[in-house]
Amino acid sequence: MNLSATLILAFGMSMDAFAASIGKGATLHRPRFREAFRTGLIFGAIEAITPLIGWGLGLMASRYIMAWDHWVAFALLFILGSRMIMEGLKTPAMDEPCKDCHSFWVLAATAVATSLDALAIGVGLAFLQVNIIHTALAIGMTTMLMATLGMLIGRFIGPMLGKRAEIIGGIVLIGIGCNILLQHLGLLA
């Protein structure tokens, strides 16, 4: 795979994380660059690891993984999105952001859910003559940059939307999950 194909693949793989991080940035009250960069690192690291895992699994049993990855991604994103919507609909005791909605584990679960397509790509790359390390690093770095940028964009959108930002973020996650599911079922081009 040449450099331009690798970069296009990396950019495409980072779009789910970009959309999810915009939602995350919007739900927080003015996240700082440090928090945006932390989110980018978590998303980027997981997005770099999943094609490696997929590549390894693809060498062993690709047909079994490909049969279930979209259902797992849909379920994780639906659960996380529903949780965000429920938090957005609650009347807050005080006007402060949800303390655990940006914890490492919530971010990691979101990153895993949005990176399952990279796992599937890794499975496909197992059958091609590609340098999986370079490809995975390109995907991870691009995702890190896009997720950080998404958080910073969400930072400016959040104050304009208030509590609705959390609801919109949840809807975005559920939409990403539905998109992944519909694409894998062949119902969406």
N, C-alpha and C. Protein backbone atom coordinates (compact mmCIF):
# COMPACT_ATOMS: atom_id res chain seq x y z
N MET A 1 0.86 -1.16 0.00
CA MET A 1 0.00 0.00 0.00
C MET A 1 0.91 1.23 0.00
N ASN A 2 0.62 2.17 -0.88
CA ASN A 2 1.46 3.37 -0.98
C ASN A 2 1.08 4.40 0.10
N LEU A 3 1.87 5.45 0.18
CA LEU A 3 1.69 6.46 1.23
C LEU A 3 0.33 7.14 1.15
N SER A 4 -0.10 7.51 -0.06
CA SER A 4 -1.39 8.20 -0.17
C SER A 4 -2.54 7.28 0.23
N ALA A 5 -2.49 6.02 -0.14
CA ALA A 5 -3.54 5.08 0.27
C ALA A 5 -3.55 4.90 1.78
N THR A 6 -2.37 4.85 2.38
CA THR A 6 -2.27 4.72 3.83
C THR A 6 -2.86 5.94 4.53
N LEU A 7 -2.56 7.13 4.02
CA LEU A 7 -3.09 8.35 4.63
C LEU A 7 -4.61 8.47 4.47
N ILE A 8 -5.12 8.07 3.32
CA ILE A 8 -6.57 8.09 3.12
C ILE A 8 -7.24 7.10 4.07
N LEU A 9 -6.66 5.92 4.20
CA LEU A 9 -7.18 4.92 5.13
C LEU A 9 -7.15 5.46 6.56
N ALA A 10 -6.03 6.05 6.95
CA ALA A 10 -5.89 6.59 8.31
C ALA A 10 -6.92 7.70 8.57
N PHE A 11 -7.11 8.57 7.60
CA PHE A 11 -8.09 9.65 7.75
C PHE A 11 -9.50 9.06 7.88
N GLY A 12 -9.83 8.09 7.05
CA GLY A 12 -11.15 7.46 7.11
C GLY A 12 -11.39 6.77 8.44
N MET A 13 -10.36 6.11 8.96
CA MET A 13 -10.49 5.41 10.24
C MET A 13 -10.65 6.38 11.40
N SER A 14 -10.18 7.61 11.26
CA SER A 14 -10.24 8.58 12.35
C SER A 14 -11.57 9.33 12.44
N MET A 15 -12.43 9.21 11.45
CA MET A 15 -13.65 10.01 11.42
C MET A 15 -14.62 9.68 12.54
N ASP A 16 -14.77 8.40 12.90
CA ASP A 16 -15.65 8.04 14.01
C ASP A 16 -15.15 8.66 15.31
N ALA A 17 -13.85 8.57 15.54
CA ALA A 17 -13.26 9.15 16.75
C ALA A 17 -13.41 10.67 16.75
N PHE A 18 -13.28 11.29 15.59
CA PHE A 18 -13.46 12.74 15.46
C PHE A 18 -14.86 13.14 15.88
N ALA A 19 -15.86 12.44 15.33
CA ALA A 19 -17.25 12.76 15.66
C ALA A 19 -17.54 12.52 17.14
N ALA A 20 -17.05 11.41 17.68
CA ALA A 20 -17.27 11.11 19.10
C ALA A 20 -16.59 12.13 19.99
N SER A 21 -15.39 12.57 19.61
CA SER A 21 -14.68 13.54 20.45
C SER A 21 -15.31 14.93 20.39
N ILE A 22 -15.93 15.27 19.29
CA ILE A 22 -16.69 16.53 19.26
C ILE A 22 -17.79 16.47 20.30
N GLY A 23 -18.50 15.34 20.34
CA GLY A 23 -19.55 15.16 21.35
C GLY A 23 -19.00 15.21 22.76
N LYS A 24 -17.86 14.56 22.98
CA LYS A 24 -17.24 14.57 24.31
C LYS A 24 -16.81 15.99 24.69
N GLY A 25 -16.22 16.70 23.75
CA GLY A 25 -15.78 18.07 24.03
C GLY A 25 -16.95 18.99 24.31
N ALA A 26 -18.07 18.75 23.65
CA ALA A 26 -19.25 19.59 23.85
C ALA A 26 -19.91 19.32 25.20
N THR A 27 -19.79 18.11 25.73
CA THR A 27 -20.43 17.81 27.01
C THR A 27 -19.64 18.35 28.19
N LEU A 28 -18.36 18.59 28.01
CA LEU A 28 -17.55 19.14 29.09
C LEU A 28 -17.65 20.67 29.06
N HIS A 29 -17.53 21.25 30.21
CA HIS A 29 -17.54 22.71 30.27
C HIS A 29 -16.13 23.21 30.03
N ARG A 30 -15.89 23.67 28.83
CA ARG A 30 -14.61 24.25 28.43
C ARG A 30 -13.40 23.37 28.75
N PRO A 31 -13.30 22.21 28.09
CA PRO A 31 -12.11 21.37 28.35
C PRO A 31 -10.85 22.08 27.88
N ARG A 32 -9.80 21.92 28.63
CA ARG A 32 -8.51 22.53 28.29
C ARG A 32 -7.81 21.69 27.23
N PHE A 33 -6.76 22.29 26.65
CA PHE A 33 -5.99 21.57 25.62
C PHE A 33 -5.42 20.27 26.17
N ARG A 34 -5.00 20.29 27.42
CA ARG A 34 -4.44 19.09 28.05
C ARG A 34 -5.45 17.94 28.02
N GLU A 35 -6.71 18.25 28.34
CA GLU A 35 -7.77 17.24 28.34
C GLU A 35 -8.07 16.78 26.92
N ALA A 36 -8.05 17.69 25.97
CA ALA A 36 -8.27 17.33 24.56
C ALA A 36 -7.14 16.43 24.07
N PHE A 37 -5.92 16.76 24.45
CA PHE A 37 -4.77 15.95 24.04
C PHE A 37 -4.81 14.57 24.70
N ARG A 38 -5.23 14.51 25.95
CA ARG A 38 -5.40 13.22 26.65
C ARG A 38 -6.41 12.35 25.91
N THR A 39 -7.51 12.94 25.53
CA THR A 39 -8.52 12.21 24.77
C THR A 39 -7.94 11.73 23.44
N GLY A 40 -7.22 12.61 22.76
CA GLY A 40 -6.59 12.23 21.50
C GLY A 40 -5.61 11.08 21.67
N LEU A 41 -4.83 11.11 22.75
CA LEU A 41 -3.89 10.02 23.01
C LEU A 41 -4.60 8.69 23.24
N ILE A 42 -5.67 8.72 24.02
CA ILE A 42 -6.41 7.49 24.30
C ILE A 42 -7.03 6.94 23.01
N PHE A 43 -7.70 7.81 22.26
CA PHE A 43 -8.31 7.37 21.01
C PHE A 43 -7.24 6.89 20.02
N GLY A 44 -6.15 7.64 19.91
CA GLY A 44 -5.09 7.30 18.97
C GLY A 44 -4.40 5.99 19.31
N ALA A 45 -4.11 5.78 20.59
CA ALA A 45 -3.45 4.55 21.00
C ALA A 45 -4.33 3.33 20.73
N ILE A 46 -5.59 3.44 21.08
CA ILE A 46 -6.50 2.31 20.85
C ILE A 46 -6.71 2.08 19.36
N GLU A 47 -6.83 3.17 18.61
CA GLU A 47 -7.02 3.05 17.16
C GLU A 47 -5.77 2.48 16.48
N ALA A 48 -4.60 2.67 17.06
CA ALA A 48 -3.37 2.08 16.50
C ALA A 48 -3.24 0.61 16.87
N ILE A 49 -3.74 0.23 18.03
CA ILE A 49 -3.63 -1.15 18.49
C ILE A 49 -4.63 -2.07 17.79
N THR A 50 -5.84 -1.57 17.54
CA THR A 50 -6.88 -2.46 16.99
C THR A 50 -6.55 -3.03 15.61
N PRO A 51 -5.93 -2.29 14.68
CA PRO A 51 -5.58 -2.95 13.42
C PRO A 51 -4.52 -4.04 13.61
N LEU A 52 -3.64 -3.84 14.60
CA LEU A 52 -2.64 -4.87 14.89
C LEU A 52 -3.31 -6.15 15.40
N ILE A 53 -4.29 -5.96 16.29
CA ILE A 53 -5.04 -7.10 16.80
C ILE A 53 -5.80 -7.76 15.65
N GLY A 54 -6.47 -6.93 14.84
CA GLY A 54 -7.21 -7.46 13.70
C GLY A 54 -6.32 -8.21 12.73
N TRP A 55 -5.13 -7.66 12.50
CA TRP A 55 -4.18 -8.30 11.60
C TRP A 55 -3.79 -9.68 12.13
N GLY A 56 -3.51 -9.73 13.44
CA GLY A 56 -3.15 -11.02 14.05
C GLY A 56 -4.30 -12.00 14.01
N LEU A 57 -5.48 -11.52 14.33
CA LEU A 57 -6.65 -12.39 14.28
C LEU A 57 -7.00 -12.79 12.84
N GLY A 58 -6.76 -11.86 11.92
CA GLY A 58 -7.03 -12.15 10.51
C GLY A 58 -6.17 -13.28 9.99
N LEU A 59 -4.98 -13.37 10.53
CA LEU A 59 -4.12 -14.48 10.13
C LEU A 59 -4.67 -15.80 10.64
N MET A 60 -5.43 -15.76 11.73
CA MET A 60 -5.95 -16.99 12.33
C MET A 60 -7.37 -17.34 11.86
N ALA A 61 -8.29 -16.38 11.96
CA ALA A 61 -9.70 -16.74 11.72
C ALA A 61 -10.53 -15.54 11.30
N SER A 62 -10.30 -15.02 10.13
CA SER A 62 -10.96 -13.78 9.72
C SER A 62 -12.47 -13.91 9.59
N ARG A 63 -12.96 -15.00 9.13
CA ARG A 63 -14.42 -15.08 8.88
C ARG A 63 -15.24 -15.00 10.16
N TYR A 64 -14.69 -15.43 11.29
CA TYR A 64 -15.42 -15.38 12.55
C TYR A 64 -15.46 -13.96 13.11
N ILE A 65 -14.38 -13.24 12.98
CA ILE A 65 -14.30 -11.87 13.49
C ILE A 65 -15.18 -10.94 12.68
N MET A 66 -15.09 -11.07 11.37
CA MET A 66 -15.87 -10.20 10.49
C MET A 66 -17.37 -10.39 10.70
N ALA A 67 -17.77 -11.55 11.16
CA ALA A 67 -19.19 -11.82 11.35
C ALA A 67 -19.78 -11.07 12.54
N TRP A 68 -18.96 -10.67 13.51
CA TRP A 68 -19.49 -10.10 14.74
C TRP A 68 -19.02 -8.69 15.07
N ASP A 69 -18.00 -8.17 14.41
CA ASP A 69 -17.43 -6.89 14.82
C ASP A 69 -18.44 -5.75 14.79
N HIS A 70 -19.30 -5.73 13.78
CA HIS A 70 -20.26 -4.63 13.66
C HIS A 70 -21.32 -4.68 14.76
N TRP A 71 -21.69 -5.86 15.22
CA TRP A 71 -22.66 -5.98 16.30
C TRP A 71 -22.06 -5.49 17.62
N VAL A 72 -20.81 -5.82 17.86
CA VAL A 72 -20.13 -5.38 19.08
C VAL A 72 -20.00 -3.85 19.08
N ALA A 73 -19.57 -3.28 17.95
CA ALA A 73 -19.44 -1.82 17.85
C ALA A 73 -20.79 -1.15 18.06
N PHE A 74 -21.82 -1.67 17.43
CA PHE A 74 -23.16 -1.09 17.58
C PHE A 74 -23.61 -1.13 19.04
N ALA A 75 -23.43 -2.28 19.70
CA ALA A 75 -23.88 -2.42 21.09
C ALA A 75 -23.14 -1.46 22.01
N LEU A 76 -21.82 -1.38 21.88
CA LEU A 76 -21.04 -0.48 22.73
C LEU A 76 -21.44 0.98 22.52
N LEU A 77 -21.54 1.39 21.26
CA LEU A 77 -21.89 2.79 20.98
C LEU A 77 -23.32 3.10 21.40
N PHE A 78 -24.22 2.15 21.24
CA PHE A 78 -25.61 2.36 21.65
C PHE A 78 -25.70 2.53 23.17
N ILE A 79 -24.99 1.68 23.91
CA ILE A 79 -25.01 1.78 25.37
C ILE A 79 -24.39 3.09 25.84
N LEU A 80 -23.22 3.44 25.30
CA LEU A 80 -22.58 4.70 25.68
C LEU A 80 -23.42 5.91 25.28
N GLY A 81 -23.98 5.88 24.08
CA GLY A 81 -24.82 6.98 23.62
C GLY A 81 -26.08 7.13 24.45
N SER A 82 -26.70 6.00 24.79
CA SER A 82 -27.91 6.03 25.62
C SER A 82 -27.60 6.62 27.00
N ARG A 83 -26.45 6.25 27.53
CA ARG A 83 -26.03 6.78 28.83
C ARG A 83 -25.86 8.30 28.76
N MET A 84 -25.25 8.78 27.69
CA MET A 84 -25.07 10.22 27.54
C MET A 84 -26.41 10.94 27.41
N ILE A 85 -27.34 10.35 26.66
CA ILE A 85 -28.67 10.95 26.50
C ILE A 85 -29.39 11.01 27.84
N MET A 86 -29.32 9.91 28.61
CA MET A 86 -29.98 9.88 29.92
C MET A 86 -29.39 10.94 30.85
N GLU A 87 -28.04 11.10 30.82
CA GLU A 87 -27.39 12.12 31.64
C GLU A 87 -27.83 13.52 31.19
N GLY A 88 -28.00 13.71 29.89
CA GLY A 88 -28.41 15.00 29.36
C GLY A 88 -29.84 15.36 29.71
N LEU A 89 -30.68 14.34 29.89
CA LEU A 89 -32.08 14.58 30.22
C LEU A 89 -32.32 14.80 31.71
N LYS A 90 -31.37 14.37 32.53
CA LYS A 90 -31.51 14.57 33.98
C LYS A 90 -31.41 16.06 34.30
N THR A 91 -32.17 16.46 35.28
CA THR A 91 -32.04 17.84 35.74
C THR A 91 -30.88 17.89 36.73
N PRO A 92 -29.89 18.69 36.43
CA PRO A 92 -28.71 18.73 37.30
C PRO A 92 -28.99 19.42 38.62
N ALA A 93 -28.36 18.90 39.68
CA ALA A 93 -28.47 19.55 40.98
C ALA A 93 -27.75 20.90 40.94
N MET A 94 -26.61 20.91 40.24
CA MET A 94 -25.85 22.14 40.05
C MET A 94 -25.44 22.19 38.59
N ASP A 95 -25.02 23.31 38.14
CA ASP A 95 -24.59 23.46 36.75
C ASP A 95 -23.11 23.07 36.61
N GLU A 96 -22.84 21.79 36.79
CA GLU A 96 -21.48 21.31 36.62
C GLU A 96 -21.49 20.07 35.75
N PRO A 97 -20.42 19.81 35.04
CA PRO A 97 -20.39 18.68 34.13
C PRO A 97 -20.37 17.35 34.87
N CYS A 98 -20.77 16.32 34.18
CA CYS A 98 -20.71 14.95 34.69
C CYS A 98 -19.24 14.62 34.97
N LYS A 99 -18.95 14.16 36.20
CA LYS A 99 -17.56 13.94 36.58
C LYS A 99 -16.97 12.67 35.99
N ASP A 100 -17.80 11.62 35.82
CA ASP A 100 -17.26 10.36 35.33
C ASP A 100 -17.44 10.16 33.83
N CYS A 101 -18.08 11.09 33.13
CA CYS A 101 -18.30 10.88 31.70
C CYS A 101 -17.04 11.15 30.88
N HIS A 102 -15.98 11.59 31.53
CA HIS A 102 -14.71 11.79 30.82
C HIS A 102 -13.59 11.02 31.51
N SER A 103 -13.99 9.98 32.24
CA SER A 103 -12.98 9.16 32.91
C SER A 103 -12.22 8.35 31.87
N PHE A 104 -11.07 7.84 32.27
CA PHE A 104 -10.27 7.02 31.36
C PHE A 104 -11.08 5.86 30.80
N TRP A 105 -11.84 5.18 31.66
CA TRP A 105 -12.57 3.98 31.24
C TRP A 105 -13.69 4.30 30.27
N VAL A 106 -14.38 5.40 30.48
CA VAL A 106 -15.44 5.80 29.55
C VAL A 106 -14.82 6.18 28.20
N LEU A 107 -13.72 6.94 28.24
CA LEU A 107 -13.03 7.30 27.00
C LEU A 107 -12.50 6.05 26.28
N ALA A 108 -11.93 5.13 27.05
CA ALA A 108 -11.40 3.90 26.44
C ALA A 108 -12.51 3.07 25.82
N ALA A 109 -13.65 2.96 26.50
CA ALA A 109 -14.78 2.20 25.94
C ALA A 109 -15.28 2.86 24.66
N THR A 110 -15.37 4.18 24.65
CA THR A 110 -15.78 4.89 23.43
C THR A 110 -14.77 4.67 22.32
N ALA A 111 -13.49 4.75 22.67
CA ALA A 111 -12.43 4.55 21.67
C ALA A 111 -12.46 3.14 21.11
N VAL A 112 -12.68 2.15 21.95
CA VAL A 112 -12.77 0.76 21.47
C VAL A 112 -13.96 0.61 20.52
N ALA A 113 -15.08 1.19 20.93
CA ALA A 113 -16.28 1.07 20.09
C ALA A 113 -16.09 1.73 18.73
N THR A 114 -15.42 2.88 18.71
CA THR A 114 -15.22 3.56 17.42
C THR A 114 -14.06 2.98 16.63
N SER A 115 -13.26 2.11 17.24
CA SER A 115 -12.10 1.57 16.53
C SER A 115 -12.30 0.13 16.06
N LEU A 116 -13.49 -0.42 16.26
CA LEU A 116 -13.71 -1.79 15.80
C LEU A 116 -13.66 -1.89 14.27
N ASP A 117 -13.95 -0.78 13.59
CA ASP A 117 -13.78 -0.81 12.13
C ASP A 117 -12.30 -0.94 11.77
N ALA A 118 -11.42 -0.37 12.59
CA ALA A 118 -9.98 -0.52 12.36
C ALA A 118 -9.54 -1.96 12.61
N LEU A 119 -10.21 -2.63 13.55
CA LEU A 119 -9.95 -4.04 13.78
C LEU A 119 -10.29 -4.83 12.52
N ALA A 120 -11.44 -4.51 11.94
CA ALA A 120 -11.85 -5.19 10.71
C ALA A 120 -10.89 -4.88 9.56
N ILE A 121 -10.43 -3.64 9.49
CA ILE A 121 -9.45 -3.27 8.47
C ILE A 121 -8.16 -4.08 8.66
N GLY A 122 -7.75 -4.24 9.92
CA GLY A 122 -6.57 -5.05 10.22
C GLY A 122 -6.72 -6.48 9.75
N VAL A 123 -7.92 -7.02 9.90
CA VAL A 123 -8.19 -8.38 9.39
C VAL A 123 -7.99 -8.41 7.88
N GLY A 124 -8.53 -7.42 7.19
CA GLY A 124 -8.37 -7.37 5.73
C GLY A 124 -6.92 -7.17 5.31
N LEU A 125 -6.19 -6.36 6.08
CA LEU A 125 -4.78 -6.10 5.75
C LEU A 125 -3.91 -7.33 5.94
N ALA A 126 -4.39 -8.29 6.73
CA ALA A 126 -3.62 -9.52 6.94
C ALA A 126 -3.44 -10.28 5.63
N PHE A 127 -4.34 -10.06 4.68
CA PHE A 127 -4.27 -10.79 3.42
C PHE A 127 -3.53 -10.02 2.33
N LEU A 128 -3.10 -8.80 2.65
CA LEU A 128 -2.36 -7.99 1.70
C LEU A 128 -0.90 -7.89 2.13
N GLN A 129 -0.07 -7.54 1.23
CA GLN A 129 1.35 -7.36 1.55
C GLN A 129 1.57 -5.91 1.99
N VAL A 130 1.24 -5.60 3.24
CA VAL A 130 1.42 -4.26 3.76
C VAL A 130 2.27 -4.31 5.02
N ASN A 131 2.90 -3.21 5.32
CA ASN A 131 3.63 -3.09 6.57
C ASN A 131 2.61 -2.66 7.62
N ILE A 132 2.14 -3.60 8.41
CA ILE A 132 1.06 -3.33 9.36
C ILE A 132 1.49 -2.33 10.44
N ILE A 133 2.76 -2.33 10.80
CA ILE A 133 3.24 -1.39 11.82
C ILE A 133 3.11 0.04 11.32
N HIS A 134 3.57 0.31 10.12
CA HIS A 134 3.46 1.67 9.55
C HIS A 134 2.00 2.08 9.39
N THR A 135 1.19 1.16 8.92
CA THR A 135 -0.23 1.47 8.72
C THR A 135 -0.91 1.76 10.06
N ALA A 136 -0.65 0.92 11.07
CA ALA A 136 -1.26 1.12 12.38
C ALA A 136 -0.80 2.44 13.01
N LEU A 137 0.48 2.77 12.86
CA LEU A 137 0.98 4.04 13.39
C LEU A 137 0.33 5.24 12.68
N ALA A 138 0.16 5.14 11.37
CA ALA A 138 -0.50 6.22 10.63
C ALA A 138 -1.94 6.40 11.10
N ILE A 139 -2.64 5.28 11.29
CA ILE A 139 -4.03 5.35 11.77
C ILE A 139 -4.07 5.95 13.17
N GLY A 140 -3.18 5.51 14.05
CA GLY A 140 -3.15 6.02 15.42
C GLY A 140 -2.82 7.50 15.50
N MET A 141 -1.83 7.93 14.75
CA MET A 141 -1.43 9.35 14.77
C MET A 141 -2.54 10.24 14.21
N THR A 142 -3.13 9.81 13.10
CA THR A 142 -4.21 10.60 12.50
C THR A 142 -5.40 10.68 13.46
N THR A 143 -5.72 9.57 14.09
CA THR A 143 -6.84 9.56 15.05
C THR A 143 -6.53 10.45 16.24
N MET A 144 -5.30 10.41 16.73
CA MET A 144 -4.91 11.27 17.85
C MET A 144 -5.13 12.75 17.49
N LEU A 145 -4.68 13.14 16.31
CA LEU A 145 -4.84 14.53 15.87
C LEU A 145 -6.32 14.89 15.69
N MET A 146 -7.08 14.01 15.06
CA MET A 146 -8.49 14.30 14.79
C MET A 146 -9.32 14.31 16.08
N ALA A 147 -9.04 13.41 17.02
CA ALA A 147 -9.78 13.39 18.28
C ALA A 147 -9.46 14.63 19.12
N THR A 148 -8.19 15.03 19.13
CA THR A 148 -7.82 16.26 19.84
C THR A 148 -8.52 17.46 19.23
N LEU A 149 -8.50 17.54 17.91
CA LEU A 149 -9.19 18.63 17.21
C LEU A 149 -10.68 18.59 17.48
N GLY A 150 -11.28 17.39 17.49
CA GLY A 150 -12.70 17.25 17.78
C GLY A 150 -13.06 17.75 19.16
N MET A 151 -12.22 17.44 20.15
CA MET A 151 -12.47 17.94 21.51
C MET A 151 -12.42 19.46 21.54
N LEU A 152 -11.45 20.04 20.84
CA LEU A 152 -11.32 21.50 20.84
C LEU A 152 -12.49 22.16 20.11
N ILE A 153 -12.98 21.55 19.05
CA ILE A 153 -14.16 22.07 18.37
C ILE A 153 -15.37 21.95 19.29
N GLY A 154 -15.50 20.79 19.95
CA GLY A 154 -16.60 20.58 20.89
C GLY A 154 -16.58 21.56 22.04
N ARG A 155 -15.38 22.01 22.40
CA ARG A 155 -15.24 22.99 23.48
C ARG A 155 -16.02 24.26 23.17
N PHE A 156 -16.01 24.69 21.93
CA PHE A 156 -16.69 25.92 21.55
C PHE A 156 -18.17 25.69 21.26
N ILE A 157 -18.49 24.48 20.86
CA ILE A 157 -19.90 24.17 20.59
C ILE A 157 -20.67 23.95 21.89
N GLY A 158 -20.01 23.32 22.87
CA GLY A 158 -20.66 22.96 24.13
C GLY A 158 -21.34 24.10 24.86
N PRO A 159 -20.65 25.22 25.11
CA PRO A 159 -21.29 26.31 25.84
C PRO A 159 -22.52 26.88 25.12
N MET A 160 -22.54 26.79 23.81
CA MET A 160 -23.70 27.28 23.06
C MET A 160 -24.89 26.35 23.23
N LEU A 161 -24.61 25.06 23.44
CA LEU A 161 -25.68 24.07 23.49
C LEU A 161 -26.13 23.72 24.91
N GLY A 162 -25.26 23.92 25.90
CA GLY A 162 -25.60 23.59 27.27
C GLY A 162 -25.81 22.09 27.45
N LYS A 163 -26.84 21.69 28.22
CA LYS A 163 -27.13 20.28 28.48
C LYS A 163 -27.50 19.52 27.21
N ARG A 164 -27.97 20.24 26.21
CA ARG A 164 -28.32 19.57 24.95
C ARG A 164 -27.10 18.96 24.30
N ALA A 165 -25.90 19.47 24.61
CA ALA A 165 -24.67 18.94 24.02
C ALA A 165 -24.50 17.47 24.38
N GLU A 166 -24.84 17.10 25.62
CA GLU A 166 -24.70 15.71 26.04
C GLU A 166 -25.70 14.84 25.28
N ILE A 167 -26.90 15.33 25.09
CA ILE A 167 -27.91 14.59 24.33
C ILE A 167 -27.45 14.43 22.88
N ILE A 168 -26.97 15.52 22.29
CA ILE A 168 -26.48 15.47 20.90
C ILE A 168 -25.29 14.52 20.80
N GLY A 169 -24.38 14.57 21.77
CA GLY A 169 -23.24 13.65 21.77
C GLY A 169 -23.68 12.20 21.82
N GLY A 170 -24.67 11.91 22.64
CA GLY A 170 -25.22 10.55 22.71
C GLY A 170 -25.86 10.12 21.41
N ILE A 171 -26.59 11.04 20.79
CA ILE A 171 -27.22 10.74 19.50
C ILE A 171 -26.15 10.48 18.44
N VAL A 172 -25.05 11.27 18.49
CA VAL A 172 -23.95 11.06 17.54
C VAL A 172 -23.36 9.67 17.71
N LEU A 173 -23.11 9.24 18.96
CA LEU A 173 -22.55 7.91 19.19
C LEU A 173 -23.49 6.82 18.70
N ILE A 174 -24.78 6.95 18.99
CA ILE A 174 -25.75 5.96 18.52
C ILE A 174 -25.80 5.97 16.99
N GLY A 175 -25.74 7.16 16.39
CA GLY A 175 -25.72 7.27 14.93
C GLY A 175 -24.52 6.59 14.31
N ILE A 176 -23.34 6.76 14.94
CA ILE A 176 -22.13 6.09 14.45
C ILE A 176 -22.32 4.57 14.53
N GLY A 177 -22.86 4.10 15.64
CA GLY A 177 -23.12 2.67 15.80
C GLY A 177 -24.08 2.13 14.77
N CYS A 178 -25.16 2.87 14.52
CA CYS A 178 -26.14 2.45 13.50
C CYS A 178 -25.49 2.46 12.12
N ASN A 179 -24.68 3.46 11.84
CA ASN A 179 -23.99 3.53 10.55
C ASN A 179 -23.09 2.32 10.34
N ILE A 180 -22.30 1.97 11.37
CA ILE A 180 -21.43 0.80 11.28
C ILE A 180 -22.25 -0.45 11.02
N LEU A 181 -23.34 -0.61 11.77
CA LEU A 181 -24.19 -1.80 11.62
C LEU A 181 -24.81 -1.86 10.23
N LEU A 182 -25.37 -0.76 9.77
CA LEU A 182 -26.02 -0.74 8.45
C LEU A 182 -25.02 -0.98 7.32
N GLN A 183 -23.82 -0.43 7.45
CA GLN A 183 -22.80 -0.68 6.42
C GLN A 183 -22.42 -2.15 6.35
N HIS A 184 -22.23 -2.77 7.48
CA HIS A 184 -21.84 -4.17 7.50
C HIS A 184 -22.97 -5.10 7.07
N LEU A 185 -24.21 -4.68 7.28
CA LEU A 185 -25.35 -5.47 6.84
C LEU A 185 -25.66 -5.24 5.36
N GLY A 186 -24.95 -4.29 4.75
CA GLY A 186 -25.15 -3.99 3.33
C GLY A 186 -26.37 -3.14 3.05
N LEU A 187 -26.92 -2.50 4.07
CA LEU A 187 -28.10 -1.67 3.89
C LEU A 187 -27.75 -0.21 3.63
N LEU A 188 -26.47 0.11 3.75
CA LEU A 188 -25.99 1.47 3.53
C LEU A 188 -24.71 1.40 2.72
N ALA A 189 -24.61 2.25 1.73
CA ALA A 189 -23.43 2.22 0.88
C ALA A 189 -22.24 2.84 1.51
